[in-house]
Amino acid sequence: VTLPDEIEVIGNHVFEYSHDYTWVFTTGGVGPTHD
């Protein structure tokens, strides 16, 4: 799944997936950066 760098969107997806899966991994740009 590809998600935008928006904490609420990421959090909602991780929360929903945690009901169906034992492990939920994230990678890449988790949150905005100052650069």
N, C-alpha and C. Protein backbone atom coordinates (compact mmCIF):
# COMPACT_ATOMS: atom_id res chain seq x y z
N VAL A 1 0.85 -1.17 0.00
CA VAL A 1 0.00 0.00 0.00
C VAL A 1 0.89 1.23 0.00
N THR A 2 0.57 2.20 -0.80
CA THR A 2 1.27 3.48 -0.82
C THR A 2 0.36 4.52 -0.21
N LEU A 3 0.89 5.26 0.78
CA LEU A 3 0.10 6.26 1.49
C LEU A 3 0.81 7.61 1.45
N PRO A 4 0.05 8.69 1.59
CA PRO A 4 0.68 10.01 1.65
C PRO A 4 1.40 10.20 2.98
N ASP A 5 2.27 11.17 3.05
CA ASP A 5 3.02 11.49 4.27
C ASP A 5 2.16 12.29 5.25
N GLU A 6 1.05 11.71 5.65
CA GLU A 6 0.14 12.36 6.58
C GLU A 6 -0.06 11.43 7.77
N ILE A 7 0.32 11.88 8.97
CA ILE A 7 0.34 11.02 10.15
C ILE A 7 -1.02 10.41 10.44
N GLU A 8 -2.10 11.16 10.23
CA GLU A 8 -3.44 10.62 10.50
C GLU A 8 -3.78 9.48 9.55
N VAL A 9 -3.45 9.63 8.29
CA VAL A 9 -3.71 8.59 7.29
C VAL A 9 -2.90 7.34 7.62
N ILE A 10 -1.62 7.52 7.90
CA ILE A 10 -0.75 6.39 8.24
C ILE A 10 -1.26 5.69 9.49
N GLY A 11 -1.55 6.47 10.53
CA GLY A 11 -2.04 5.90 11.78
C GLY A 11 -3.33 5.12 11.61
N ASN A 12 -4.25 5.66 10.83
CA ASN A 12 -5.52 4.97 10.60
C ASN A 12 -5.31 3.64 9.89
N HIS A 13 -4.45 3.61 8.89
CA HIS A 13 -4.20 2.37 8.16
C HIS A 13 -3.50 1.34 9.05
N VAL A 14 -2.50 1.76 9.80
CA VAL A 14 -1.81 0.82 10.69
C VAL A 14 -2.79 0.26 11.71
N PHE A 15 -3.64 1.10 12.28
CA PHE A 15 -4.63 0.66 13.25
C PHE A 15 -5.58 -0.37 12.63
N GLU A 16 -6.10 -0.08 11.44
CA GLU A 16 -7.02 -1.01 10.79
C GLU A 16 -6.34 -2.34 10.45
N TYR A 17 -5.12 -2.28 9.91
CA TYR A 17 -4.42 -3.51 9.54
C TYR A 17 -4.05 -4.33 10.77
N SER A 18 -3.86 -3.68 11.90
CA SER A 18 -3.47 -4.41 13.12
C SER A 18 -4.57 -5.34 13.61
N HIS A 19 -5.79 -5.12 13.17
CA HIS A 19 -6.88 -6.03 13.54
C HIS A 19 -6.82 -7.34 12.75
N ASP A 20 -6.26 -7.28 11.55
CA ASP A 20 -6.25 -8.44 10.65
C ASP A 20 -4.91 -9.16 10.58
N TYR A 21 -3.83 -8.49 10.96
CA TYR A 21 -2.49 -9.05 10.81
C TYR A 21 -1.72 -8.97 12.12
N THR A 22 -0.86 -9.96 12.34
CA THR A 22 -0.02 -9.97 13.54
C THR A 22 1.06 -8.91 13.45
N TRP A 23 1.63 -8.75 12.27
CA TRP A 23 2.73 -7.79 12.05
C TRP A 23 2.31 -6.76 11.01
N VAL A 24 2.60 -5.50 11.28
CA VAL A 24 2.38 -4.41 10.33
C VAL A 24 3.69 -3.64 10.22
N PHE A 25 4.26 -3.60 9.02
CA PHE A 25 5.54 -2.93 8.80
C PHE A 25 5.32 -1.63 8.03
N THR A 26 6.10 -0.62 8.36
CA THR A 26 6.14 0.60 7.56
C THR A 26 7.58 0.84 7.15
N THR A 27 7.75 1.50 6.02
CA THR A 27 9.08 1.82 5.53
C THR A 27 8.99 3.09 4.70
N GLY A 28 10.10 3.72 4.50
CA GLY A 28 10.11 4.92 3.67
C GLY A 28 9.87 6.17 4.48
N GLY A 29 9.32 7.17 3.83
CA GLY A 29 9.13 8.48 4.45
C GLY A 29 7.95 8.52 5.40
N VAL A 30 8.17 8.12 6.63
CA VAL A 30 7.11 8.16 7.62
C VAL A 30 7.15 9.53 8.28
N GLY A 31 6.32 10.41 7.80
CA GLY A 31 6.27 11.77 8.32
C GLY A 31 7.07 12.73 7.47
N PRO A 32 6.74 14.01 7.56
CA PRO A 32 7.44 15.01 6.76
C PRO A 32 8.86 15.26 7.26
N THR A 33 9.72 15.68 6.35
CA THR A 33 11.10 16.02 6.71
C THR A 33 11.36 17.48 6.40
N HIS A 34 12.32 18.08 7.06
CA HIS A 34 12.63 19.49 6.87
C HIS A 34 13.49 19.76 5.64
N ASP A 35 14.03 18.71 5.01
CA ASP A 35 14.89 18.92 3.85
C ASP A 35 14.05 18.99 2.61
